[in-house]
PDB file of N, CA and C in Angstrom:
ATOM      1  N   MET A   1      18.180  -2.795 -24.761  1.00  0.00           N
ATOM      2  CA  MET A   1      17.636  -3.680 -23.942  1.00  0.00           C
ATOM      3  C   MET A   1      17.761  -3.162 -22.426  1.00  0.00           C
ATOM      4  N   ILE A   2      18.871  -2.605 -22.063  1.00  0.00           N
ATOM      5  CA  ILE A   2      19.090  -2.127 -20.636  1.00  0.00           C
ATOM      6  C   ILE A   2      18.217  -0.879 -20.488  1.00  0.00           C
ATOM      7  N   VAL A   3      18.114  -0.083 -21.489  1.00  0.00           N
ATOM      8  CA  VAL A   3      17.200   1.086 -21.284  1.00  0.00           C
ATOM      9  C   VAL A   3      15.694   0.656 -21.139  1.00  0.00           C
ATOM     10  N   ASP A   4      15.278  -0.326 -21.781  1.00  0.00           N
ATOM     11  CA  ASP A   4      13.842  -0.845 -21.724  1.00  0.00           C
ATOM     12  C   ASP A   4      13.683  -1.366 -20.258  1.00  0.00           C
ATOM     13  N   SER A   5      14.634  -2.163 -19.826  1.00  0.00           N
ATOM     14  CA  SER A   5      14.544  -2.603 -18.311  1.00  0.00           C
ATOM     15  C   SER A   5      14.334  -1.475 -17.453  1.00  0.00           C
ATOM     16  N   LEU A   6      15.349  -0.474 -17.637  1.00  0.00           N
ATOM     17  CA  LEU A   6      15.285   0.622 -16.706  1.00  0.00           C
ATOM     18  C   LEU A   6      14.003   1.452 -16.813  1.00  0.00           C
ATOM     19  N   LEU A   7      13.521   1.623 -18.007  1.00  0.00           N
ATOM     20  CA  LEU A   7      12.310   2.344 -18.284  1.00  0.00           C
ATOM     21  C   LEU A   7      11.145   1.599 -17.491  1.00  0.00           C
ATOM     22  N   ASN A   8      11.067   0.334 -17.655  1.00  0.00           N
ATOM     23  CA  ASN A   8      10.037  -0.440 -17.044  1.00  0.00           C
ATOM     24  C   ASN A   8      10.002  -0.372 -15.523  1.00  0.00           C
ATOM     25  N   LYS A   9      11.235  -0.277 -14.976  1.00  0.00           N
ATOM     26  CA  LYS A   9      11.346  -0.122 -13.486  1.00  0.00           C
ATOM     27  C   LYS A   9      10.750   1.186 -13.112  1.00  0.00           C
ATOM     28  N   VAL A  10      11.192   2.276 -13.910  1.00  0.00           N
ATOM     29  CA  VAL A  10      10.762   3.651 -13.531  1.00  0.00           C
ATOM     30  C   VAL A  10       9.227   3.722 -13.611  1.00  0.00           C
ATOM     31  N   PHE A  11       8.620   3.128 -14.678  1.00  0.00           N
ATOM     32  CA  PHE A  11       7.182   3.146 -14.837  1.00  0.00           C
ATOM     33  C   PHE A  11       6.430   2.425 -13.637  1.00  0.00           C
ATOM     34  N   PHE A  12       7.054   1.147 -13.316  1.00  0.00           N
ATOM     35  CA  PHE A  12       6.504   0.489 -12.247  1.00  0.00           C
ATOM     36  C   PHE A  12       6.545   1.246 -10.826  1.00  0.00           C
ATOM     37  N   LEU A  13       7.671   1.892 -10.718  1.00  0.00           N
ATOM     38  CA  LEU A  13       7.864   2.728  -9.463  1.00  0.00           C
ATOM     39  C   LEU A  13       6.904   3.857  -9.430  1.00  0.00           C
ATOM     40  N   THR A  14       6.700   4.540 -10.641  1.00  0.00           N
ATOM     41  CA  THR A  14       5.780   5.569 -10.698  1.00  0.00           C
ATOM     42  C   THR A  14       4.311   5.096 -10.455  1.00  0.00           C
ATOM     43  N   PHE A  15       4.065   3.930 -10.926  1.00  0.00           N
ATOM     44  CA  PHE A  15       2.689   3.350 -10.825  1.00  0.00           C
ATOM     45  C   PHE A  15       2.487   3.063  -9.325  1.00  0.00           C
ATOM     46  N   PHE A  16       3.418   2.463  -8.555  1.00  0.00           N
ATOM     47  CA  PHE A  16       3.280   2.128  -7.255  1.00  0.00           C
ATOM     48  C   PHE A  16       3.213   3.445  -6.336  1.00  0.00           C
ATOM     49  N   MET A  17       3.923   4.421  -6.702  1.00  0.00           N
ATOM     50  CA  MET A  17       3.805   5.727  -6.000  1.00  0.00           C
ATOM     51  C   MET A  17       2.386   6.416  -6.197  1.00  0.00           C
ATOM     52  N   ALA A  18       1.889   6.340  -7.401  1.00  0.00           N
ATOM     53  CA  ALA A  18       0.570   6.806  -7.706  1.00  0.00           C
ATOM     54  C   ALA A  18      -0.592   5.987  -6.833  1.00  0.00           C
ATOM     55  N   ILE A  19      -0.299   4.758  -6.644  1.00  0.00           N
ATOM     56  CA  ILE A  19      -1.295   3.870  -5.857  1.00  0.00           C
ATOM     57  C   ILE A  19      -1.197   4.448  -4.425  1.00  0.00           C
ATOM     58  N   MET A  20      -0.026   4.577  -3.947  1.00  0.00           N
ATOM     59  CA  MET A  20       0.210   5.005  -2.502  1.00  0.00           C
ATOM     60  C   MET A  20      -0.391   6.417  -2.284  1.00  0.00           C
ATOM     61  N   VAL A  21      -0.400   7.324  -3.161  1.00  0.00           N
ATOM     62  CA  VAL A  21      -0.948   8.640  -2.960  1.00  0.00           C
ATOM     63  C   VAL A  21      -2.509   8.435  -2.954  1.00  0.00           C
ATOM     64  N   VAL A  22      -3.119   7.862  -3.905  1.00  0.00           N
ATOM     65  CA  VAL A  22      -4.472   7.682  -3.927  1.00  0.00           C
ATOM     66  C   VAL A  22      -5.011   6.903  -2.590  1.00  0.00           C
ATOM     67  N   PHE A  23      -4.162   6.015  -2.207  1.00  0.00           N
ATOM     68  CA  PHE A  23      -4.497   5.106  -1.075  1.00  0.00           C
ATOM     69  C   PHE A  23      -4.576   6.023   0.173  1.00  0.00           C
ATOM     70  N   LYS A  24      -3.532   6.884   0.312  1.00  0.00           N
ATOM     71  CA  LYS A  24      -3.454   7.712   1.448  1.00  0.00           C
ATOM     72  C   LYS A  24      -4.636   8.679   1.575  1.00  0.00           C
ATOM     73  N   HIS A  25      -5.016   9.307   0.413  1.00  0.00           N
ATOM     74  CA  HIS A  25      -6.188  10.124   0.517  1.00  0.00           C
ATOM     75  C   HIS A  25      -7.423   9.379   0.679  1.00  0.00           C
ATOM     76  N   LEU A  26      -7.641   8.125   0.354  1.00  0.00           N
ATOM     77  CA  LEU A  26      -8.907   7.365   0.514  1.00  0.00           C
ATOM     78  C   LEU A  26      -8.875   6.943   2.043  1.00  0.00           C
ATOM     79  N   ILE A  27      -7.768   6.637   2.614  1.00  0.00           N
ATOM     80  CA  ILE A  27      -7.803   6.380   3.967  1.00  0.00           C
ATOM     81  C   ILE A  27      -8.130   7.571   4.865  1.00  0.00           C
ATOM     82  N   ALA A  28      -7.694   8.851   4.469  1.00  0.00           N
ATOM     83  CA  ALA A  28      -8.041  10.043   5.145  1.00  0.00           C
ATOM     84  C   ALA A  28      -9.567  10.359   5.012  1.00  0.00           C
ATOM     85  N   ILE A  29     -10.051  10.129   3.942  1.00  0.00           N
ATOM     86  CA  ILE A  29     -11.478  10.392   3.609  1.00  0.00           C
ATOM     87  C   ILE A  29     -12.429   9.409   4.352  1.00  0.00           C
ATOM     88  N   VAL A  30     -11.987   8.167   4.413  1.00  0.00           N
ATOM     89  CA  VAL A  30     -12.688   7.163   5.264  1.00  0.00           C
ATOM     90  C   VAL A  30     -12.544   7.544   6.771  1.00  0.00           C
ATOM     91  N   ARG A  31     -11.500   7.906   7.180  1.00  0.00           N
ATOM     92  CA  ARG A  31     -11.414   8.247   8.544  1.00  0.00           C
ATOM     93  C   ARG A  31     -12.377   9.436   8.942  1.00  0.00           C
ATOM     94  N   LYS A  32     -12.361  10.271   7.968  1.00  0.00           N
ATOM     95  CA  LYS A  32     -13.328  11.607   8.301  1.00  0.00           C
ATOM     96  C   LYS A  32     -14.740  11.067   8.195  1.00  0.00           C
ATOM     97  N   LEU A  33     -15.107  10.194   7.408  1.00  0.00           N
ATOM     98  CA  LEU A  33     -16.499   9.739   7.323  1.00  0.00           C
ATOM     99  C   LEU A  33     -16.855   8.868   8.361  1.00  0.00           C
ATOM    100  N   LYS A  34     -15.909   8.080   8.988  1.00  0.00           N
ATOM    101  CA  LYS A  34     -16.211   7.248  10.040  1.00  0.00           C
ATOM    102  C   LYS A  34     -16.308   8.034  11.453  1.00  0.00           C
ATOM    103  N   GLY A  35     -15.966   9.254  11.496  1.00  0.00           N
ATOM    104  CA  GLY A  35     -16.143  10.025  12.646  1.00  0.00           C
ATOM    105  C   GLY A  35     -14.915  10.377  13.392  1.00  0.00           C
ATOM    106  N   GLU A  36     -13.677   9.912  13.110  1.00  0.00           N
ATOM    107  CA  GLU A  36     -12.511  10.261  13.748  1.00  0.00           C
ATOM    108  C   GLU A  36     -12.100  11.597  13.285  1.00  0.00           C
ATOM    109  N   GLY A  37     -12.206  12.641  14.221  1.00  0.00           N
ATOM    110  CA  GLY A  37     -11.875  13.974  13.845  1.00  0.00           C
ATOM    111  C   GLY A  37     -12.988  14.513  13.049  1.00  0.00           C
ATOM    112  N   TYR A  38     -14.288  14.345  13.273  1.00  0.00           N
ATOM    113  CA  TYR A  38     -15.303  14.771  12.376  1.00  0.00           C
ATOM    114  C   TYR A  38     -15.524  16.150  12.515  1.00  0.00           C
ATOM    115  N   LYS A  39     -15.085  16.817  13.470  1.00  0.00           N
ATOM    116  CA  LYS A  39     -15.221  18.330  13.661  1.00  0.00           C
ATOM    117  C   LYS A  39     -14.219  19.057  12.746  1.00  0.00           C
ATOM    118  N   GLN A  40     -13.155  18.403  12.368  1.00  0.00           N
ATOM    119  CA  GLN A  40     -12.315  19.039  11.449  1.00  0.00           C
ATOM    120  C   GLN A  40     -12.669  18.642   9.954  1.00  0.00           C
ATOM    121  N   LYS A  41     -12.465  19.760   9.136  1.00  0.00           N
ATOM    122  CA  LYS A  41     -12.809  19.511   7.793  1.00  0.00           C
ATOM    123  C   LYS A  41     -11.555  18.821   7.010  1.00  0.00           C
ATOM    124  N   TYR A  42     -11.932  18.011   6.158  1.00  0.00           N
ATOM    125  CA  TYR A  42     -10.829  17.368   5.370  1.00  0.00           C
ATOM    126  C   TYR A  42     -10.434  18.348   4.174  1.00  0.00           C
ATOM    127  N   GLU A  43      -9.232  18.895   4.455  1.00  0.00           N
ATOM    128  CA  GLU A  43      -8.648  19.916   3.524  1.00  0.00           C
ATOM    129  C   GLU A  43      -7.423  19.346   2.853  1.00  0.00           C
ATOM    130  N   VAL A  44      -7.472  19.699   1.492  1.00  0.00           N
ATOM    131  CA  VAL A  44      -6.297  19.212   0.682  1.00  0.00           C
ATOM    132  C   VAL A  44      -5.626  20.614   0.077  1.00  0.00           C
ATOM    133  N   THR A  45      -4.423  20.570   0.249  1.00  0.00           N
ATOM    134  CA  THR A  45      -3.715  21.732  -0.322  1.00  0.00           C
ATOM    135  C   THR A  45      -3.695  21.707  -1.849  1.00  0.00           C
ATOM    136  N   LYS A  46      -3.463  22.724  -2.493  1.00  0.00           N
ATOM    137  CA  LYS A  46      -3.429  22.799  -3.971  1.00  0.00           C
ATOM    138  C   LYS A  46      -2.423  21.808  -4.598  1.00  0.00           C
ATOM    139  N   THR A  47      -1.234  21.766  -3.994  1.00  0.00           N
ATOM    140  CA  THR A  47      -0.129  20.914  -4.420  1.00  0.00           C
ATOM    141  C   THR A  47      -0.675  19.443  -4.251  1.00  0.00           C
ATOM    142  N   GLU A  48      -1.280  19.039  -3.167  1.00  0.00           N
ATOM    143  CA  GLU A  48      -1.668  17.717  -2.905  1.00  0.00           C
ATOM    144  C   GLU A  48      -2.862  17.300  -3.861  1.00  0.00           C
ATOM    145  N   LEU A  49      -3.705  18.369  -4.181  1.00  0.00           N
ATOM    146  CA  LEU A  49      -4.838  18.083  -5.010  1.00  0.00           C
ATOM    147  C   LEU A  49      -4.316  17.740  -6.543  1.00  0.00           C
ATOM    148  N   ILE A  50      -3.186  18.596  -6.964  1.00  0.00           N
ATOM    149  CA  ILE A  50      -2.687  18.290  -8.278  1.00  0.00           C
ATOM    150  C   ILE A  50      -2.080  16.972  -8.231  1.00  0.00           C
ATOM    151  N   LEU A  51      -1.373  16.642  -7.158  1.00  0.00           N
ATOM    152  CA  LEU A  51      -0.606  15.312  -7.178  1.00  0.00           C
ATOM    153  C   LEU A  51      -1.665  14.170  -7.227  1.00  0.00           C
ATOM    154  N   LEU A  52      -2.747  14.426  -6.519  1.00  0.00           N
ATOM    155  CA  LEU A  52      -3.751  13.383  -6.557  1.00  0.00           C
ATOM    156  C   LEU A  52      -4.487  13.129  -7.834  1.00  0.00           C
ATOM    157  N   TRP A  53      -4.762  14.171  -8.547  1.00  0.00           N
ATOM    158  CA  TRP A  53      -5.387  14.121 -10.006  1.00  0.00           C
ATOM    159  C   TRP A  53      -4.388  13.511 -10.903  1.00  0.00           C
ATOM    160  N   VAL A  54      -3.076  13.912 -10.787  1.00  0.00           N
ATOM    161  CA  VAL A  54      -2.159  13.233 -11.605  1.00  0.00           C
ATOM    162  C   VAL A  54      -1.982  11.796 -11.365  1.00  0.00           C
ATOM    163  N   SER A  55      -1.967  11.399 -10.167  1.00  0.00           N
ATOM    164  CA  SER A  55      -1.897  10.040  -9.739  1.00  0.00           C
ATOM    165  C   SER A  55      -3.081   9.326 -10.254  1.00  0.00           C
ATOM    166  N   VAL A  56      -4.320   9.810 -10.093  1.00  0.00           N
ATOM    167  CA  VAL A  56      -5.569   9.182 -10.586  1.00  0.00           C
ATOM    168  C   VAL A  56      -5.460   9.029 -12.130  1.00  0.00           C
ATOM    169  N   SER A  57      -5.124  10.004 -12.751  1.00  0.00           N
ATOM    170  CA  SER A  57      -5.040   9.963 -14.223  1.00  0.00           C
ATOM    171  C   SER A  57      -4.013   8.957 -14.753  1.00  0.00           C
ATOM    172  N   TYR A  58      -2.933   8.866 -14.029  1.00  0.00           N
ATOM    173  CA  TYR A  58      -1.819   7.952 -14.368  1.00  0.00           C
ATOM    174  C   TYR A  58      -2.436   6.501 -14.191  1.00  0.00           C
ATOM    175  N   LEU A  59      -2.969   6.262 -13.019  1.00  0.00           N
ATOM    176  CA  LEU A  59      -3.602   4.938 -12.742  1.00  0.00           C
ATOM    177  C   LEU A  59      -4.661   4.527 -13.831  1.00  0.00           C
ATOM    178  N   LEU A  60      -5.576   5.422 -14.172  1.00  0.00           N
ATOM    179  CA  LEU A  60      -6.520   5.102 -15.184  1.00  0.00           C
ATOM    180  C   LEU A  60      -5.960   4.865 -16.491  1.00  0.00           C
ATOM    181  N   SER A  61      -5.016   5.752 -16.923  1.00  0.00           N
ATOM    182  CA  SER A  61      -4.344   5.476 -18.128  1.00  0.00           C
ATOM    183  C   SER A  61      -3.567   4.183 -18.272  1.00  0.00           C
ATOM    184  N   THR A  62      -2.928   3.734 -17.018  1.00  0.00           N
ATOM    185  CA  THR A  62      -2.228   2.566 -17.062  1.00  0.00           C
ATOM    186  C   THR A  62      -3.181   1.378 -17.051  1.00  0.00           C
ATOM    187  N   ILE A  63      -4.338   1.477 -16.451  1.00  0.00           N
ATOM    188  CA  ILE A  63      -5.266   0.314 -16.498  1.00  0.00           C
ATOM    189  C   ILE A  63      -5.760   0.187 -17.885  1.00  0.00           C
ATOM    190  N   PHE A  64      -6.145   1.292 -18.577  1.00  0.00           N
ATOM    191  CA  PHE A  64      -6.807   1.161 -19.871  1.00  0.00           C
ATOM    192  C   PHE A  64      -5.739   0.894 -21.053  1.00  0.00           C
ATOM    193  N   VAL A  65      -4.656   1.461 -20.875  1.00  0.00           N
ATOM    194  CA  VAL A  65      -3.673   1.383 -22.024  1.00  0.00           C
ATOM    195  C   VAL A  65      -2.510   0.365 -21.721  1.00  0.00           C
ATOM    196  N   GLY A  66      -2.070   0.421 -20.505  1.00  0.00           N
ATOM    197  CA  GLY A  66      -0.949  -0.469 -20.044  1.00  0.00           C
ATOM    198  C   GLY A  66       0.409   0.223 -20.205  1.00  0.00           C
ATOM    199  N   ILE A  67       1.398  -0.447 -19.634  1.00  0.00           N
ATOM    200  CA  ILE A  67       2.735   0.203 -19.730  1.00  0.00           C
ATOM    201  C   ILE A  67       3.430  -0.523 -20.874  1.00  0.00           C
ATOM    202  N   LYS A  68       3.719   0.220 -21.913  1.00  0.00           N
ATOM    203  CA  LYS A  68       4.316  -0.376 -23.074  1.00  0.00           C
ATOM    204  C   LYS A  68       5.673   0.468 -23.244  1.00  0.00           C
ATOM    205  N   VAL A  69       6.709  -0.310 -23.581  1.00  0.00           N
ATOM    206  CA  VAL A  69       8.035   0.396 -23.865  1.00  0.00           C
ATOM    207  C   VAL A  69       8.326   0.020 -25.263  1.00  0.00           C
TER     208      VAL A  69
END
């Protein structure tokens, strides 16, 4: 019972962190499209790109499957 509760908290924290990573990149893309710093290219490092795709895949799998313990 305690392990299930702890696991649910870890899954929720991971879900929240994934939302924040995706939100951060969406804000940066919108800022570039609106013209703030339009002369600079929106660049993402390889590590950020991997983290973004892991976050997106976690969000999509959570939406379709849900968090089950």
